[in-house]
Amino acid sequence: MGSTTMKLDDLHVYETPSEAVQAVAESITRLSVQCIRERGRFTIALAGGSTPKPHYELLATPAFASTIDWKLWHVFWGDERCVPPEHSDSNYRMATEALLSRVPVVTSQVHRIHGEDDPTEAAASYERALRDTFDPLPPRLDLVLLGMGDDGHTASLFSKLEALEEKERLIVAHWVPNLNAHRITATFPLINASRNVAILATDAGKADAVKRAFQPEIDDEAPPIAQVHPIGNGAQWYLTRSAASLLTAAR
């Protein structure tokens, strides 16, 4: 599903995770400057999990932070665990500790998902916040950062769940049986409407999912990440050589 249109040209392959982290930070910085110049602000959806943390930490260092106009950033999240913001599993907490508390971002422009609330109500509230930020136009983020699980899920979009087929709602809450937990997640209508998407995968455990997304076997079910196709721009994949090791003709 969709994987046949994914192009190896969209891959950026690095020898080490630190090289990939450097490249992503440089790309975010350039894109921030460009979007602020063109539209007066930069709208970004952050990824959770462990992979993006070093990217956030690097952005917070003076070499990068000093070149970014943080007061013109609007920060969202691609998904959240249903926990309070101070919980160790909170994607908001991780990004705050690694980046947002260390730079002069405007607090009112940091839009967290209220994972401590009823999941369905929190999802609806977050969609309203997105729509209000972009009103009167439909939400179109400048950049969505995505991680990828070893199984090929992204954000909290897992195989065989109804959220994969959502066509209208931008944010949904759903029960994820294999996690025995609710998750609140962006859907593909929001992700694919964004101007840019960066997918981060820097460890060898991602290699099989990368292969299945780009070069699936006959009758192999494409992983959820293969449905990422932003309008007008290919998703840019930032991989280590180990994560790209099962691809053929990867540069």
Protein backbone atom coordinates (compact mmCIF):
# COMPACT_ATOMS: atom_id res chain seq x y z
CA MET A 1 0.00 0.00 0.00
CA GLY A 2 1.77 3.13 -1.20
CA SER A 3 5.23 1.65 -0.93
CA THR A 4 5.59 1.30 -4.70
CA THR A 5 5.84 5.11 -5.01
CA MET A 6 8.50 5.53 -2.35
CA LYS A 7 11.78 6.59 -3.92
CA LEU A 8 15.28 5.69 -2.89
CA ASP A 9 16.15 9.28 -3.87
CA ASP A 10 14.39 10.38 -0.67
CA LEU A 11 16.95 8.54 1.48
CA HIS A 12 19.78 10.27 3.31
CA VAL A 13 22.14 7.59 4.59
CA TYR A 14 24.89 8.25 7.15
CA GLU A 15 27.59 6.12 8.67
CA THR A 16 26.75 6.95 12.28
CA PRO A 17 23.74 8.16 14.29
CA SER A 18 25.60 11.34 15.23
CA GLU A 19 26.05 12.24 11.56
CA ALA A 20 22.34 11.73 10.95
CA VAL A 21 21.48 13.85 14.00
CA GLN A 22 23.71 16.65 12.71
CA ALA A 23 22.08 16.54 9.28
CA VAL A 24 18.56 16.66 10.69
CA ALA A 25 19.38 19.61 12.95
CA GLU A 26 20.87 21.49 10.00
CA SER A 27 17.79 20.71 7.89
CA ILE A 28 15.37 21.89 10.59
CA THR A 29 17.34 25.09 11.05
CA ARG A 30 17.32 25.89 7.33
CA LEU A 31 13.63 25.08 7.02
CA SER A 32 12.77 27.25 10.02
CA VAL A 33 14.54 30.23 8.48
CA GLN A 34 12.85 29.65 5.12
CA CYS A 35 9.33 29.27 6.52
CA ILE A 36 9.65 32.32 8.77
CA ARG A 37 10.88 34.36 5.82
CA GLU A 38 8.01 33.17 3.60
CA ARG A 39 5.09 32.97 6.06
CA GLY A 40 6.18 34.66 9.26
CA ARG A 41 6.25 31.55 11.47
CA PHE A 42 7.37 27.94 11.65
CA THR A 43 4.92 25.16 12.55
CA ILE A 44 6.36 21.81 13.57
CA ALA A 45 5.03 18.53 14.97
CA LEU A 46 7.57 16.78 17.16
CA ALA A 47 8.04 13.03 17.38
CA GLY A 48 8.17 11.09 20.64
CA GLY A 49 10.08 7.99 21.65
CA SER A 50 13.83 7.66 22.06
CA THR A 51 15.08 8.32 18.52
CA PRO A 52 14.45 12.09 18.30
CA LYS A 53 15.87 13.00 21.72
CA PRO A 54 19.46 13.59 20.53
CA HIS A 55 18.11 15.71 17.67
CA TYR A 56 16.32 17.94 20.17
CA GLU A 57 19.37 18.14 22.41
CA LEU A 58 21.54 19.25 19.52
CA LEU A 59 19.04 21.92 18.46
CA ALA A 60 19.23 23.32 21.99
CA THR A 61 22.99 23.86 21.80
CA PRO A 62 24.20 27.44 21.12
CA ALA A 63 25.47 26.59 17.65
CA PHE A 64 21.91 25.89 16.50
CA ALA A 65 19.71 27.66 19.04
CA SER A 66 21.33 31.02 18.35
CA THR A 67 20.35 30.85 14.66
CA ILE A 68 16.65 30.07 15.25
CA ASP A 69 13.93 32.67 15.87
CA TRP A 70 12.16 30.65 18.57
CA LYS A 71 9.46 33.24 19.25
CA LEU A 72 8.01 32.45 15.81
CA TRP A 73 7.82 28.69 16.36
CA HIS A 74 4.50 26.91 16.94
CA VAL A 75 5.12 23.45 18.38
CA PHE A 76 2.76 20.47 18.14
CA TRP A 77 3.15 16.71 18.62
CA GLY A 78 2.47 13.80 16.31
CA ASP A 79 1.24 11.57 19.12
CA GLU A 80 1.08 11.20 22.86
CA ARG A 81 0.76 8.53 25.51
CA CYS A 82 -2.27 8.82 27.78
CA VAL A 83 -0.29 9.96 30.81
CA PRO A 84 0.15 13.28 32.67
CA PRO A 85 2.80 15.68 31.32
CA GLU A 86 5.21 14.96 34.18
CA HIS A 87 5.10 11.18 33.57
CA SER A 88 8.30 9.54 32.37
CA ASP A 89 6.46 8.14 29.31
CA SER A 90 5.19 11.55 28.19
CA ASN A 91 6.37 12.69 24.77
CA TYR A 92 5.77 16.26 25.92
CA ARG A 93 8.05 15.79 28.91
CA MET A 94 10.86 14.33 26.81
CA ALA A 95 10.77 17.18 24.28
CA THR A 96 10.51 19.78 27.02
CA GLU A 97 13.51 18.46 28.92
CA ALA A 98 15.62 17.94 25.80
CA LEU A 99 14.72 21.14 23.93
CA LEU A 100 11.82 23.40 24.83
CA SER A 101 12.92 24.30 28.37
CA ARG A 102 16.35 25.23 27.02
CA VAL A 103 15.31 27.71 24.31
CA PRO A 104 13.18 30.89 24.36
CA VAL A 105 10.09 29.39 22.75
CA VAL A 106 6.81 31.18 23.56
CA THR A 107 4.88 29.05 26.06
CA SER A 108 1.49 29.87 24.52
CA GLN A 109 2.78 28.57 21.18
CA VAL A 110 3.67 25.16 22.60
CA HIS A 111 0.56 23.07 22.02
CA ARG A 112 0.73 19.86 24.02
CA ILE A 113 -1.71 16.95 23.83
CA HIS A 114 -3.49 16.59 27.18
CA GLY A 115 -2.78 12.91 27.66
CA GLU A 116 -4.11 13.00 31.21
CA ASP A 117 -7.66 13.78 30.00
CA ASP A 118 -10.24 11.41 28.56
CA PRO A 119 -8.57 10.18 25.33
CA THR A 120 -11.48 10.93 23.00
CA GLU A 121 -11.98 14.39 24.45
CA ALA A 122 -8.25 15.10 24.37
CA ALA A 123 -8.06 14.13 20.70
CA ALA A 124 -11.01 16.35 19.78
CA SER A 125 -9.55 19.26 21.77
CA TYR A 126 -6.19 18.89 20.06
CA GLU A 127 -7.74 18.87 16.62
CA ARG A 128 -9.56 22.09 17.51
CA ALA A 129 -6.26 23.64 18.62
CA LEU A 130 -4.69 22.72 15.30
CA ARG A 131 -7.58 24.10 13.29
CA ASP A 132 -7.67 27.32 15.33
CA THR A 133 -3.94 27.88 14.73
CA PHE A 134 -4.36 27.67 10.96
CA ASP A 135 -7.87 29.14 10.63
CA PRO A 136 -9.30 29.95 8.09
CA LEU A 137 -7.13 27.51 6.12
CA PRO A 138 -6.94 23.76 6.76
CA PRO A 139 -3.98 22.80 8.97
CA ARG A 140 -0.78 22.38 6.99
CA LEU A 141 2.30 22.01 9.17
CA ASP A 142 5.65 23.14 7.86
CA LEU A 143 7.36 20.02 9.21
CA VAL A 144 6.30 16.74 10.78
CA LEU A 145 9.05 14.74 12.46
CA LEU A 146 8.37 11.02 12.60
CA GLY A 147 10.13 8.13 14.22
CA MET A 148 9.51 4.52 13.25
CA GLY A 149 9.14 1.41 15.36
CA ASP A 150 10.81 -1.87 14.52
CA ASP A 151 7.40 -3.03 13.24
CA GLY A 152 7.07 -0.06 10.88
CA HIS A 153 4.53 1.92 12.89
CA THR A 154 4.87 5.68 13.05
CA ALA A 155 3.39 8.19 15.49
CA SER A 156 0.83 5.87 17.12
CA LEU A 157 -0.40 4.41 13.85
CA PHE A 158 -0.09 0.65 14.10
CA SER A 159 -0.87 -2.12 11.61
CA LYS A 160 -4.43 -3.42 11.30
CA LEU A 161 -6.03 -0.63 13.35
CA GLU A 162 -8.87 1.56 12.08
CA ALA A 163 -6.88 4.76 12.51
CA LEU A 164 -4.86 3.82 9.42
CA GLU A 165 -7.97 4.26 7.29
CA GLU A 166 -9.11 7.59 8.76
CA LYS A 167 -9.88 10.08 5.99
CA GLU A 168 -11.31 13.13 7.79
CA ARG A 169 -10.21 13.49 11.41
CA LEU A 170 -6.73 14.90 11.95
CA ILE A 171 -6.29 13.52 15.47
CA VAL A 172 -7.80 10.34 16.90
CA ALA A 173 -7.70 8.41 20.13
CA HIS A 174 -7.64 4.65 19.89
CA TRP A 175 -6.92 1.51 21.84
CA VAL A 176 -3.70 -0.25 20.85
CA PRO A 177 -4.11 -3.91 21.88
CA ASN A 178 -0.45 -4.91 21.71
CA LEU A 179 0.42 -2.04 24.06
CA ASN A 180 -2.66 -2.54 26.25
CA ALA A 181 -3.06 1.23 26.22
CA HIS A 182 -4.85 4.15 24.63
CA ARG A 183 -2.86 6.43 22.35
CA ILE A 184 -3.68 9.81 20.83
CA THR A 185 -2.24 10.26 17.37
CA ALA A 186 -2.12 12.37 14.25
CA THR A 187 -3.65 10.63 11.25
CA PHE A 188 -2.44 10.45 7.68
CA PRO A 189 -4.74 13.32 6.55
CA LEU A 190 -2.70 15.64 8.81
CA ILE A 191 0.69 14.06 8.19
CA ASN A 192 0.33 13.97 4.42
CA ALA A 193 -1.01 17.52 4.23
CA SER A 194 2.22 18.84 5.73
CA ARG A 195 4.76 20.69 3.63
CA ASN A 196 7.65 18.53 4.79
CA VAL A 197 8.09 15.21 6.61
CA ALA A 198 11.35 13.90 8.07
CA ILE A 199 11.51 10.24 9.12
CA LEU A 200 14.21 9.35 11.62
CA ALA A 201 15.54 5.78 11.82
CA THR A 202 19.08 5.32 13.06
CA ASP A 203 19.50 1.82 14.49
CA ALA A 204 19.89 -1.58 12.90
CA GLY A 205 16.62 -2.79 14.39
CA LYS A 206 14.75 -0.65 11.87
CA ALA A 207 16.32 -2.29 8.82
CA ASP A 208 13.54 -4.80 8.15
CA ALA A 209 10.81 -2.15 8.38
CA VAL A 210 12.78 0.15 6.04
CA LYS A 211 13.10 -2.70 3.54
CA ARG A 212 9.37 -3.50 3.75
CA ALA A 213 8.48 0.15 3.18
CA PHE A 214 10.65 0.63 0.09
CA GLN A 215 11.11 -2.85 -1.37
CA PRO A 216 8.39 -5.17 -0.04
CA GLU A 217 8.28 -8.82 -0.98
CA ILE A 218 5.41 -9.96 -3.18
CA ASP A 219 2.18 -10.06 -1.12
CA ASP A 220 4.01 -8.58 1.86
CA GLU A 221 1.83 -6.17 3.83
CA ALA A 222 3.39 -2.72 3.78
CA PRO A 223 3.99 -1.24 7.23
CA PRO A 224 2.10 1.90 8.30
CA ILE A 225 5.12 4.11 7.58
CA ALA A 226 4.66 3.33 3.88
CA GLN A 227 1.48 5.43 3.88
CA VAL A 228 3.46 8.61 4.50
CA HIS A 229 3.27 10.62 1.27
CA PRO A 230 3.19 14.38 1.92
CA ILE A 231 1.51 16.36 -0.83
CA GLY A 232 4.02 17.96 -3.18
CA ASN A 233 7.10 16.74 -1.32
CA GLY A 234 8.52 13.30 -0.76
CA ALA A 235 9.14 12.28 2.84
CA GLN A 236 12.82 12.62 3.62
CA TRP A 237 14.30 9.59 5.40
CA TYR A 238 17.35 10.03 7.62
CA LEU A 239 18.97 6.64 8.14
CA THR A 240 22.21 5.12 9.26
CA ARG A 241 23.88 2.63 6.98
CA SER A 242 22.85 -0.16 9.37
CA ALA A 243 19.19 0.88 9.15
CA ALA A 244 19.44 0.91 5.33
CA SER A 245 21.46 -2.30 5.17
CA LEU A 246 18.73 -4.50 3.67
CA LEU A 247 17.93 -2.13 0.80
CA THR A 248 19.40 -2.69 -2.62
CA ALA A 249 20.83 0.28 -4.52
CA ALA A 250 20.61 2.57 -1.48
CA ARG A 251 23.16 5.35 -1.73
